[in-house]
Amino acid sequence: MVFRPQIAVILSSYQRPAHLYRSLLSLAMQCGAEGQFEVVVTDDGSADNTARVVRRFASTADFPVAFTTHEHKGFRLARCRNEGVLASSAPYLLFSDGDCIFPSDHLSKHLQARRSRVAWSGDCLHLDEEATQRIDGEAIASGAYCDWVPRREYQRIHRRWIKDRFYQAIHHRKKPKLAGSNIAVSREDFERVNGFDERFVGWGCEDDDLADRLRLSGVRIASILGFTQVFHMWHPNDPSQPRKWSDGANVKYLLRRDKPARCAIGLMKHVSGKAKLRISDFRSRYGDASERRKAA
């Protein structure tokens, strides 16, 4: 029987294999989405044991796992995510990061929320350094880590959920925002805008740009915060992250006038062969990812 996943989890990662392993463990403990999802770890050119961690995990996973990478030339999250999409086959895409822990019903919540021409936006609850160091398989299985989040974080998420509902009610032009740790969109809608714009290099703004272009194409952005959130493990900030968002290197390009819905340098850059895409298809009981893409 051919495996046909309904949702692809695209996990971006760079040089944090211990975080990534715990993120993958939380996906292995998902309930209510068994046999319906695939995972692609899309790496930004890590020079550590990230690939080995993914390969070892994939050998025991009961869902398909693939791995993409490229030469590291700075922070290129937009490229990572486009490569992850091309390595997957599911009709629905969930973007997150390999430094996030997913509650056990996260994928089932997203599958239940699927709507035509709607992209879902979430956010993450931040764990501090001490709590992050305590997270292990037992904490993930029991959900104990949920109690290690400061109360102010839950309050922040609740306030944002209230604001997002208001923005949706008044059909705000720019909000709710897309937050990269928790974005769900159909493959069809993602391909229509040519995916993430790979002109965004360095930290920030690629999610805001995708939201702008999805809206221009007729897709509504809705908040999923009232239904599910992810948990972000602590780590130092990327060196390219500015102190103030407005000082970021990508802000000027984001705010350009006459932005088209379909970016020029995005997903199709790889399909047309203008960029090299290295995909490692780690085998599971479902076979390899290339076979699944052909079958789909």
C-alpha atoms as a PDB file:
ATOM      1  CA  MET A   1       0.000   0.000   0.000  1.00  0.00           C
ATOM      2  CA  VAL A   2       1.342   3.436  -0.960  1.00  0.00           C
ATOM      3  CA  PHE A   3       1.737   5.832   1.952  1.00  0.00           C
ATOM      4  CA  ARG A   4       0.102   9.193   1.221  1.00  0.00           C
ATOM      5  CA  PRO A   5       0.814  11.701   4.012  1.00  0.00           C
ATOM      6  CA  GLN A   6      -1.703  14.455   4.625  1.00  0.00           C
ATOM      7  CA  ILE A   7       0.667  16.915   6.296  1.00  0.00           C
ATOM      8  CA  ALA A   8       4.400  17.561   5.945  1.00  0.00           C
ATOM      9  CA  VAL A   9       6.280  18.972   8.935  1.00  0.00           C
ATOM     10  CA  ILE A  10       9.142  21.148   7.651  1.00  0.00           C
ATOM     11  CA  LEU A  11      11.714  21.555  10.439  1.00  0.00           C
ATOM     12  CA  SER A  12      14.501  24.077   9.860  1.00  0.00           C
ATOM     13  CA  SER A  13      17.750  23.508  11.729  1.00  0.00           C
ATOM     14  CA  TYR A  14      21.314  24.731  12.053  1.00  0.00           C
ATOM     15  CA  GLN A  15      24.008  23.516  14.455  1.00  0.00           C
ATOM     16  CA  ARG A  16      21.661  22.445  17.286  1.00  0.00           C
ATOM     17  CA  PRO A  17      21.459  18.643  17.059  1.00  0.00           C
ATOM     18  CA  ALA A  18      20.469  18.178  20.727  1.00  0.00           C
ATOM     19  CA  HIS A  19      17.529  20.560  20.295  1.00  0.00           C
ATOM     20  CA  LEU A  20      16.597  18.919  17.002  1.00  0.00           C
ATOM     21  CA  TYR A  21      16.568  15.434  18.504  1.00  0.00           C
ATOM     22  CA  ARG A  22      14.124  16.507  21.214  1.00  0.00           C
ATOM     23  CA  SER A  23      11.966  18.213  18.612  1.00  0.00           C
ATOM     24  CA  LEU A  24      11.858  15.003  16.589  1.00  0.00           C
ATOM     25  CA  LEU A  25      11.034  13.000  19.721  1.00  0.00           C
ATOM     26  CA  SER A  26       7.987  15.196  20.311  1.00  0.00           C
ATOM     27  CA  LEU A  27       6.824  14.459  16.754  1.00  0.00           C
ATOM     28  CA  ALA A  28       7.240  10.735  17.399  1.00  0.00           C
ATOM     29  CA  MET A  29       4.849  11.110  20.346  1.00  0.00           C
ATOM     30  CA  GLN A  30       2.011  12.705  18.356  1.00  0.00           C
ATOM     31  CA  CYS A  31      -1.463  11.297  18.933  1.00  0.00           C
ATOM     32  CA  GLY A  32      -4.366  11.437  16.509  1.00  0.00           C
ATOM     33  CA  ALA A  33      -2.185  11.883  13.409  1.00  0.00           C
ATOM     34  CA  GLU A  34      -0.699   8.411  13.108  1.00  0.00           C
ATOM     35  CA  GLY A  35       0.020   7.432   9.514  1.00  0.00           C
ATOM     36  CA  GLN A  36      -0.848  10.913   8.253  1.00  0.00           C
ATOM     37  CA  PHE A  37       2.401  12.872   8.408  1.00  0.00           C
ATOM     38  CA  GLU A  38       5.945  13.043   7.096  1.00  0.00           C
ATOM     39  CA  VAL A  39       8.893  15.064   8.407  1.00  0.00           C
ATOM     40  CA  VAL A  40      11.620  16.909   6.525  1.00  0.00           C
ATOM     41  CA  VAL A  41      14.568  18.319   8.459  1.00  0.00           C
ATOM     42  CA  THR A  42      15.867  21.136   6.292  1.00  0.00           C
ATOM     43  CA  ASP A  43      19.337  22.151   7.370  1.00  0.00           C
ATOM     44  CA  ASP A  44      21.252  25.376   6.711  1.00  0.00           C
ATOM     45  CA  GLY A  45      24.624  23.692   6.189  1.00  0.00           C
ATOM     46  CA  SER A  46      25.468  22.388   9.666  1.00  0.00           C
ATOM     47  CA  ALA A  47      29.036  21.158  10.099  1.00  0.00           C
ATOM     48  CA  ASP A  48      28.301  19.086  13.223  1.00  0.00           C
ATOM     49  CA  ASN A  49      26.517  15.746  13.697  1.00  0.00           C
ATOM     50  CA  THR A  50      23.042  17.013  12.709  1.00  0.00           C
ATOM     51  CA  ALA A  51      22.748  14.646   9.730  1.00  0.00           C
ATOM     52  CA  ARG A  52      23.809  11.682  11.859  1.00  0.00           C
ATOM     53  CA  VAL A  53      21.199  12.540  14.509  1.00  0.00           C
ATOM     54  CA  VAL A  54      18.464  12.661  11.858  1.00  0.00           C
ATOM     55  CA  ARG A  55      19.612   9.406  10.247  1.00  0.00           C
ATOM     56  CA  ARG A  56      19.640   7.599  13.589  1.00  0.00           C
ATOM     57  CA  PHE A  57      16.220   8.933  14.503  1.00  0.00           C
ATOM     58  CA  ALA A  58      14.767   8.026  11.103  1.00  0.00           C
ATOM     59  CA  SER A  59      15.892   4.403  11.501  1.00  0.00           C
ATOM     60  CA  THR A  60      13.427   3.951  14.376  1.00  0.00           C
ATOM     61  CA  ALA A  61      10.623   6.321  13.298  1.00  0.00           C
ATOM     62  CA  ASP A  62       7.263   4.971  12.139  1.00  0.00           C
ATOM     63  CA  PHE A  63       6.810   7.906   9.750  1.00  0.00           C
ATOM     64  CA  PRO A  64       8.897   9.067   6.767  1.00  0.00           C
ATOM     65  CA  VAL A  65      11.882  11.312   7.505  1.00  0.00           C
ATOM     66  CA  ALA A  66      13.973  13.180   4.929  1.00  0.00           C
ATOM     67  CA  PHE A  67      16.916  15.553   5.273  1.00  0.00           C
ATOM     68  CA  THR A  68      18.013  18.439   3.054  1.00  0.00           C
ATOM     69  CA  THR A  69      21.108  20.587   3.308  1.00  0.00           C
ATOM     70  CA  HIS A  70      23.314  22.985   1.354  1.00  0.00           C
ATOM     71  CA  GLU A  71      26.551  24.864   1.810  1.00  0.00           C
ATOM     72  CA  HIS A  72      26.309  27.330   4.681  1.00  0.00           C
ATOM     73  CA  LYS A  73      26.569  30.926   3.484  1.00  0.00           C
ATOM     74  CA  GLY A  74      24.888  32.842   6.270  1.00  0.00           C
ATOM     75  CA  PHE A  75      21.362  32.598   7.676  1.00  0.00           C
ATOM     76  CA  ARG A  76      19.181  31.364   4.787  1.00  0.00           C
ATOM     77  CA  LEU A  77      15.938  30.246   6.355  1.00  0.00           C
ATOM     78  CA  ALA A  78      13.837  31.044   3.277  1.00  0.00           C
ATOM     79  CA  ARG A  79      15.945  28.713   1.160  1.00  0.00           C
ATOM     80  CA  CYS A  80      15.815  25.998   3.827  1.00  0.00           C
ATOM     81  CA  ARG A  81      12.042  26.020   3.917  1.00  0.00           C
ATOM     82  CA  ASN A  82      11.667  25.935   0.142  1.00  0.00           C
ATOM     83  CA  GLU A  83      14.023  22.973  -0.017  1.00  0.00           C
ATOM     84  CA  GLY A  84      12.029  21.232   2.686  1.00  0.00           C
ATOM     85  CA  VAL A  85       8.822  21.622   0.696  1.00  0.00           C
ATOM     86  CA  LEU A  86      10.431  20.124  -2.406  1.00  0.00           C
ATOM     87  CA  ALA A  87      11.548  17.100  -0.370  1.00  0.00           C
ATOM     88  CA  SER A  88       7.972  16.434   0.790  1.00  0.00           C
ATOM     89  CA  SER A  89       4.801  15.205  -0.904  1.00  0.00           C
ATOM     90  CA  ALA A  90       1.873  16.022   1.419  1.00  0.00           C
ATOM     91  CA  PRO A  91      -0.805  18.495   0.250  1.00  0.00           C
ATOM     92  CA  TYR A  92      -0.601  20.448   3.527  1.00  0.00           C
ATOM     93  CA  LEU A  93       2.523  22.070   4.978  1.00  0.00           C
ATOM     94  CA  LEU A  94       3.443  22.888   8.570  1.00  0.00           C
ATOM     95  CA  PHE A  95       6.560  25.017   9.052  1.00  0.00           C
ATOM     96  CA  SER A  96       8.414  25.063  12.338  1.00  0.00           C
ATOM     97  CA  ASP A  97      11.936  24.939  13.735  1.00  0.00           C
ATOM     98  CA  GLY A  98      14.144  22.236  15.171  1.00  0.00           C
ATOM     99  CA  ASP A  99      14.362  24.106  18.471  1.00  0.00           C
ATOM    100  CA  CYS A 100      10.643  23.597  19.197  1.00  0.00           C
ATOM    101  CA  ILE A 101       8.767  20.966  21.193  1.00  0.00           C
ATOM    102  CA  PHE A 102       5.291  20.021  19.960  1.00  0.00           C
ATOM    103  CA  PRO A 103       2.432  19.082  22.288  1.00  0.00           C
ATOM    104  CA  SER A 104       1.097  15.597  21.583  1.00  0.00           C
ATOM    105  CA  ASP A 105      -2.040  16.803  19.781  1.00  0.00           C
ATOM    106  CA  HIS A 106      -0.327  19.515  17.709  1.00  0.00           C
ATOM    107  CA  LEU A 107      -0.565  17.801  14.333  1.00  0.00           C
ATOM    108  CA  SER A 108      -4.103  16.552  14.880  1.00  0.00           C
ATOM    109  CA  LYS A 109      -5.170  20.104  15.756  1.00  0.00           C
ATOM    110  CA  HIS A 110      -3.676  21.418  12.538  1.00  0.00           C
ATOM    111  CA  LEU A 111      -5.276  18.651  10.496  1.00  0.00           C
ATOM    112  CA  GLN A 112      -8.658  19.485  12.014  1.00  0.00           C
ATOM    113  CA  ALA A 113      -8.172  23.191  11.275  1.00  0.00           C
ATOM    114  CA  ARG A 114      -7.426  22.809   7.544  1.00  0.00           C
ATOM    115  CA  ARG A 115      -9.490  25.200   5.452  1.00  0.00           C
ATOM    116  CA  SER A 116      -9.420  26.174   1.814  1.00  0.00           C
ATOM    117  CA  ARG A 117      -7.543  29.447   1.169  1.00  0.00           C
ATOM    118  CA  VAL A 118      -6.652  29.890   4.846  1.00  0.00           C
ATOM    119  CA  ALA A 119      -3.123  29.939   6.293  1.00  0.00           C
ATOM    120  CA  TRP A 120      -2.839  29.384  10.025  1.00  0.00           C
ATOM    121  CA  SER A 121      -0.463  31.367  12.214  1.00  0.00           C
ATOM    122  CA  GLY A 122       0.689  30.528  15.718  1.00  0.00           C
ATOM    123  CA  ASP A 123       3.409  31.448  18.172  1.00  0.00           C
ATOM    124  CA  CYS A 124       5.670  29.749  20.687  1.00  0.00           C
ATOM    125  CA  LEU A 125       5.941  29.673  24.459  1.00  0.00           C
ATOM    126  CA  HIS A 126       9.534  30.348  25.481  1.00  0.00           C
ATOM    127  CA  LEU A 127      11.382  28.036  27.850  1.00  0.00           C
ATOM    128  CA  ASP A 128      14.366  29.520  29.689  1.00  0.00           C
ATOM    129  CA  GLU A 129      17.864  28.037  29.664  1.00  0.00           C
ATOM    130  CA  GLU A 130      17.430  26.019  32.854  1.00  0.00           C
ATOM    131  CA  ALA A 131      14.125  24.507  31.736  1.00  0.00           C
ATOM    132  CA  THR A 132      15.575  23.687  28.314  1.00  0.00           C
ATOM    133  CA  GLN A 133      18.432  21.732  29.887  1.00  0.00           C
ATOM    134  CA  ARG A 134      15.927  19.638  31.870  1.00  0.00           C
ATOM    135  CA  ILE A 135      13.934  18.483  28.855  1.00  0.00           C
ATOM    136  CA  ASP A 136      14.378  14.797  28.079  1.00  0.00           C
ATOM    137  CA  GLY A 137      12.254  12.033  26.601  1.00  0.00           C
ATOM    138  CA  GLU A 138      10.349  11.480  29.835  1.00  0.00           C
ATOM    139  CA  ALA A 139       9.483  15.177  30.158  1.00  0.00           C
ATOM    140  CA  ILE A 140       8.270  15.232  26.559  1.00  0.00           C
ATOM    141  CA  ALA A 141       6.178  12.065  26.970  1.00  0.00           C
ATOM    142  CA  SER A 142       4.553  13.289  30.182  1.00  0.00           C
ATOM    143  CA  GLY A 143       4.161  16.913  29.097  1.00  0.00           C
ATOM    144  CA  ALA A 144       5.958  18.026  32.257  1.00  0.00           C
ATOM    145  CA  TYR A 145       7.790  20.742  30.343  1.00  0.00           C
ATOM    146  CA  CYS A 146       4.494  22.630  30.001  1.00  0.00           C
ATOM    147  CA  ASP A 147       4.724  23.455  33.707  1.00  0.00           C
ATOM    148  CA  TRP A 148       8.222  24.884  33.286  1.00  0.00           C
ATOM    149  CA  VAL A 149       7.044  27.819  31.179  1.00  0.00           C
ATOM    150  CA  PRO A 150       6.791  31.106  33.128  1.00  0.00           C
ATOM    151  CA  ARG A 151       3.246  32.211  33.794  1.00  0.00           C
ATOM    152  CA  ARG A 152       3.916  35.506  32.023  1.00  0.00           C
ATOM    153  CA  GLU A 153       4.510  33.546  28.804  1.00  0.00           C
ATOM    154  CA  TYR A 154       1.065  31.957  28.958  1.00  0.00           C
ATOM    155  CA  GLN A 155      -0.377  35.388  29.677  1.00  0.00           C
ATOM    156  CA  ARG A 156       1.437  36.858  26.654  1.00  0.00           C
ATOM    157  CA  ILE A 157       0.071  34.154  24.363  1.00  0.00           C
ATOM    158  CA  HIS A 158      -3.446  34.664  25.734  1.00  0.00           C
ATOM    159  CA  ARG A 159      -3.248  38.414  25.071  1.00  0.00           C
ATOM    160  CA  ARG A 160      -2.060  37.786  21.540  1.00  0.00           C
ATOM    161  CA  TRP A 161      -4.918  35.342  20.956  1.00  0.00           C
ATOM    162  CA  ILE A 162      -7.431  37.980  22.008  1.00  0.00           C
ATOM    163  CA  LYS A 163      -5.787  40.561  19.742  1.00  0.00           C
ATOM    164  CA  ASP A 164      -5.661  38.134  16.832  1.00  0.00           C
ATOM    165  CA  ARG A 165      -9.374  37.433  17.125  1.00  0.00           C
ATOM    166  CA  PHE A 166     -10.010  41.169  16.990  1.00  0.00           C
ATOM    167  CA  TYR A 167      -7.750  41.593  13.942  1.00  0.00           C
ATOM    168  CA  GLN A 168      -9.606  38.782  12.195  1.00  0.00           C
ATOM    169  CA  ALA A 169     -12.983  40.333  13.020  1.00  0.00           C
ATOM    170  CA  ILE A 170     -12.034  43.705  11.497  1.00  0.00           C
ATOM    171  CA  HIS A 171     -10.162  42.119   8.568  1.00  0.00           C
ATOM    172  CA  HIS A 172      -6.892  43.851   9.464  1.00  0.00           C
ATOM    173  CA  ARG A 173      -4.607  44.328   6.458  1.00  0.00           C
ATOM    174  CA  LYS A 174      -1.420  43.074   8.165  1.00  0.00           C
ATOM    175  CA  LYS A 175      -2.476  41.003  11.184  1.00  0.00           C
ATOM    176  CA  PRO A 176      -2.508  38.328  12.512  1.00  0.00           C
ATOM    177  CA  LYS A 177       1.230  38.008  11.805  1.00  0.00           C
ATOM    178  CA  LEU A 178       2.845  34.830  10.634  1.00  0.00           C
ATOM    179  CA  ALA A 179       5.331  33.426  13.155  1.00  0.00           C
ATOM    180  CA  GLY A 180       7.782  30.945  11.664  1.00  0.00           C
ATOM    181  CA  SER A 181       7.579  28.443  14.508  1.00  0.00           C
ATOM    182  CA  ASN A 182       3.974  27.588  13.663  1.00  0.00           C
ATOM    183  CA  ILE A 183       2.772  28.250  10.084  1.00  0.00           C
ATOM    184  CA  ALA A 184       0.346  25.960   8.266  1.00  0.00           C
ATOM    185  CA  VAL A 185      -0.648  26.445   4.624  1.00  0.00           C
ATOM    186  CA  SER A 186      -1.771  24.274   1.738  1.00  0.00           C
ATOM    187  CA  ARG A 187       0.864  23.276  -0.787  1.00  0.00           C
ATOM    188  CA  GLU A 188      -1.320  24.745  -3.538  1.00  0.00           C
ATOM    189  CA  ASP A 189      -1.427  28.189  -1.883  1.00  0.00           C
ATOM    190  CA  PHE A 190       2.294  28.054  -1.086  1.00  0.00           C
ATOM    191  CA  GLU A 191       3.207  27.172  -4.660  1.00  0.00           C
ATOM    192  CA  ARG A 192       0.944  29.903  -6.041  1.00  0.00           C
ATOM    193  CA  VAL A 193       3.164  32.583  -4.448  1.00  0.00           C
ATOM    194  CA  ASN A 194       6.363  30.659  -5.317  1.00  0.00           C
ATOM    195  CA  GLY A 195       7.115  29.892  -1.676  1.00  0.00           C
ATOM    196  CA  PHE A 196       9.485  31.896   0.483  1.00  0.00           C
ATOM    197  CA  ASP A 197      11.439  34.701  -1.173  1.00  0.00           C
ATOM    198  CA  GLU A 198      15.102  33.665  -1.099  1.00  0.00           C
ATOM    199  CA  ARG A 199      16.294  37.246  -1.376  1.00  0.00           C
ATOM    200  CA  PHE A 200      15.841  37.288   2.400  1.00  0.00           C
ATOM    201  CA  VAL A 201      19.281  36.399   3.762  1.00  0.00           C
ATOM    202  CA  GLY A 202      20.079  37.014   7.426  1.00  0.00           C
ATOM    203  CA  TRP A 203      17.658  37.009  10.318  1.00  0.00           C
ATOM    204  CA  GLY A 204      14.056  38.133   9.949  1.00  0.00           C
ATOM    205  CA  CYS A 205      11.199  39.303   7.708  1.00  0.00           C
ATOM    206  CA  GLU A 206      10.771  36.253   5.452  1.00  0.00           C
ATOM    207  CA  ASP A 207       7.601  35.272   7.359  1.00  0.00           C
ATOM    208  CA  ASP A 208       6.127  38.781   7.110  1.00  0.00           C
ATOM    209  CA  ASP A 209       6.829  38.799   3.388  1.00  0.00           C
ATOM    210  CA  LEU A 210       5.145  35.430   2.882  1.00  0.00           C
ATOM    211  CA  ALA A 211       2.089  36.702   4.767  1.00  0.00           C
ATOM    212  CA  ASP A 212       1.918  39.802   2.542  1.00  0.00           C
ATOM    213  CA  ARG A 213       2.081  37.759  -0.634  1.00  0.00           C
ATOM    214  CA  LEU A 214      -0.399  35.136   0.554  1.00  0.00           C
ATOM    215  CA  ARG A 215      -2.877  37.912   1.289  1.00  0.00           C
ATOM    216  CA  LEU A 216      -2.267  39.424  -2.137  1.00  0.00           C
ATOM    217  CA  SER A 217      -3.091  36.033  -3.658  1.00  0.00           C
ATOM    218  CA  GLY A 218      -6.399  35.854  -1.778  1.00  0.00           C
ATOM    219  CA  VAL A 219      -5.398  33.690   1.182  1.00  0.00           C
ATOM    220  CA  ARG A 220      -6.690  34.682   4.622  1.00  0.00           C
ATOM    221  CA  ILE A 221      -4.338  34.532   7.628  1.00  0.00           C
ATOM    222  CA  ALA A 222      -6.009  33.146  10.752  1.00  0.00           C
ATOM    223  CA  SER A 223      -4.672  32.534  14.266  1.00  0.00           C
ATOM    224  CA  ILE A 224      -4.476  29.018  15.681  1.00  0.00           C
ATOM    225  CA  LEU A 225      -3.289  30.223  19.098  1.00  0.00           C
ATOM    226  CA  GLY A 226      -6.562  29.308  20.785  1.00  0.00           C
ATOM    227  CA  PHE A 227      -6.077  25.686  19.787  1.00  0.00           C
ATOM    228  CA  THR A 228      -2.365  24.878  19.904  1.00  0.00           C
ATOM    229  CA  GLN A 229       1.072  26.412  20.467  1.00  0.00           C
ATOM    230  CA  VAL A 230       4.635  25.134  20.330  1.00  0.00           C
ATOM    231  CA  PHE A 231       7.322  25.369  23.017  1.00  0.00           C
ATOM    232  CA  HIS A 232      10.607  27.048  22.108  1.00  0.00           C
ATOM    233  CA  MET A 233      13.820  25.797  23.707  1.00  0.00           C
ATOM    234  CA  TRP A 234      16.331  28.425  24.763  1.00  0.00           C
ATOM    235  CA  HIS A 235      19.465  29.109  22.734  1.00  0.00           C
ATOM    236  CA  PRO A 236      21.631  32.176  21.993  1.00  0.00           C
ATOM    237  CA  ASN A 237      20.319  34.515  19.308  1.00  0.00           C
ATOM    238  CA  ASP A 238      21.668  34.307  15.785  1.00  0.00           C
ATOM    239  CA  PRO A 239      24.455  36.881  15.233  1.00  0.00           C
ATOM    240  CA  SER A 240      22.458  38.456  12.385  1.00  0.00           C
ATOM    241  CA  GLN A 241      19.491  39.228  14.674  1.00  0.00           C
ATOM    242  CA  PRO A 242      19.389  42.995  15.365  1.00  0.00           C
ATOM    243  CA  ARG A 243      18.603  44.565  18.727  1.00  0.00           C
ATOM    244  CA  LYS A 244      15.656  46.363  17.135  1.00  0.00           C
ATOM    245  CA  TRP A 245      13.521  44.772  14.414  1.00  0.00           C
ATOM    246  CA  SER A 246      13.584  48.009  12.413  1.00  0.00           C
ATOM    247  CA  ASP A 247      17.400  47.828  12.214  1.00  0.00           C
ATOM    248  CA  GLY A 248      17.328  44.460  10.472  1.00  0.00           C
ATOM    249  CA  ALA A 249      19.069  44.034   7.133  1.00  0.00           C
ATOM    250  CA  ASN A 250      15.895  42.727   5.468  1.00  0.00           C
ATOM    251  CA  VAL A 251      13.443  45.419   6.590  1.00  0.00           C
ATOM    252  CA  LYS A 252      13.952  47.741   3.612  1.00  0.00           C
ATOM    253  CA  TYR A 253      13.319  44.936   1.133  1.00  0.00           C
ATOM    254  CA  LEU A 254      10.249  43.781   3.074  1.00  0.00           C
ATOM    255  CA  LEU A 255       8.718  47.274   2.947  1.00  0.00           C
ATOM    256  CA  ARG A 256       9.320  47.787  -0.772  1.00  0.00           C
ATOM    257  CA  ARG A 257       6.477  49.141  -2.877  1.00  0.00           C
ATOM    258  CA  ASP A 258       4.521  47.215  -5.518  1.00  0.00           C
ATOM    259  CA  LYS A 259       5.290  43.830  -4.037  1.00  0.00           C
ATOM    260  CA  PRO A 260       4.028  41.019  -6.308  1.00  0.00           C
ATOM    261  CA  ALA A 261       2.133  38.051  -4.898  1.00  0.00           C
ATOM    262  CA  ARG A 262       4.559  35.697  -6.606  1.00  0.00           C
ATOM    263  CA  CYS A 263       8.221  36.238  -5.749  1.00  0.00           C
ATOM    264  CA  ALA A 264      10.852  35.971  -8.470  1.00  0.00           C
ATOM    265  CA  ILE A 265      13.440  33.904  -6.562  1.00  0.00           C
ATOM    266  CA  GLY A 266      11.663  31.214  -4.616  1.00  0.00           C
ATOM    267  CA  LEU A 267      10.485  27.625  -4.886  1.00  0.00           C
ATOM    268  CA  MET A 268      10.690  27.357  -8.685  1.00  0.00           C
ATOM    269  CA  LYS A 269      14.363  28.347  -8.598  1.00  0.00           C
ATOM    270  CA  HIS A 270      15.086  24.823  -7.378  1.00  0.00           C
ATOM    271  CA  VAL A 271      12.579  23.085  -9.647  1.00  0.00           C
ATOM    272  CA  SER A 272      14.102  24.754 -12.707  1.00  0.00           C
ATOM    273  CA  GLY A 273      17.553  23.500 -11.709  1.00  0.00           C
ATOM    274  CA  LYS A 274      19.112  26.861 -10.950  1.00  0.00           C
ATOM    275  CA  ALA A 275      20.097  25.742  -7.468  1.00  0.00           C
ATOM    276  CA  LYS A 276      21.462  22.443  -6.210  1.00  0.00           C
ATOM    277  CA  LEU A 277      19.218  20.559  -3.794  1.00  0.00           C
ATOM    278  CA  ARG A 278      20.692  17.725  -1.760  1.00  0.00           C
ATOM    279  CA  ILE A 279      18.078  15.408  -0.267  1.00  0.00           C
ATOM    280  CA  SER A 280      18.919  12.424   1.907  1.00  0.00           C
ATOM    281  CA  ASP A 281      16.030   9.961   1.952  1.00  0.00           C
ATOM    282  CA  PHE A 282      16.364   8.119   5.241  1.00  0.00           C
ATOM    283  CA  ARG A 283      14.513   4.862   4.956  1.00  0.00           C
ATOM    284  CA  SER A 284      11.715   3.779   7.258  1.00  0.00           C
ATOM    285  CA  ARG A 285       9.081   1.106   6.846  1.00  0.00           C
ATOM    286  CA  TYR A 286       7.437   3.439   4.308  1.00  0.00           C
ATOM    287  CA  GLY A 287      10.336   3.320   1.848  1.00  0.00           C
ATOM    288  CA  ASP A 288      12.270   6.359   0.692  1.00  0.00           C
ATOM    289  CA  ALA A 289      11.018   9.866   0.060  1.00  0.00           C
ATOM    290  CA  SER A 290      11.748   9.872  -3.674  1.00  0.00           C
ATOM    291  CA  GLU A 291       9.472   6.861  -4.149  1.00  0.00           C
ATOM    292  CA  ARG A 292       6.735   8.550  -2.129  1.00  0.00           C
ATOM    293  CA  ARG A 293       6.934  11.738  -4.202  1.00  0.00           C
ATOM    294  CA  LYS A 294       6.605   9.704  -7.432  1.00  0.00           C
ATOM    295  CA  ALA A 295       3.612   7.850  -6.033  1.00  0.00           C
ATOM    296  CA  ALA A 296       1.953  11.108  -4.997  1.00  0.00           C
END
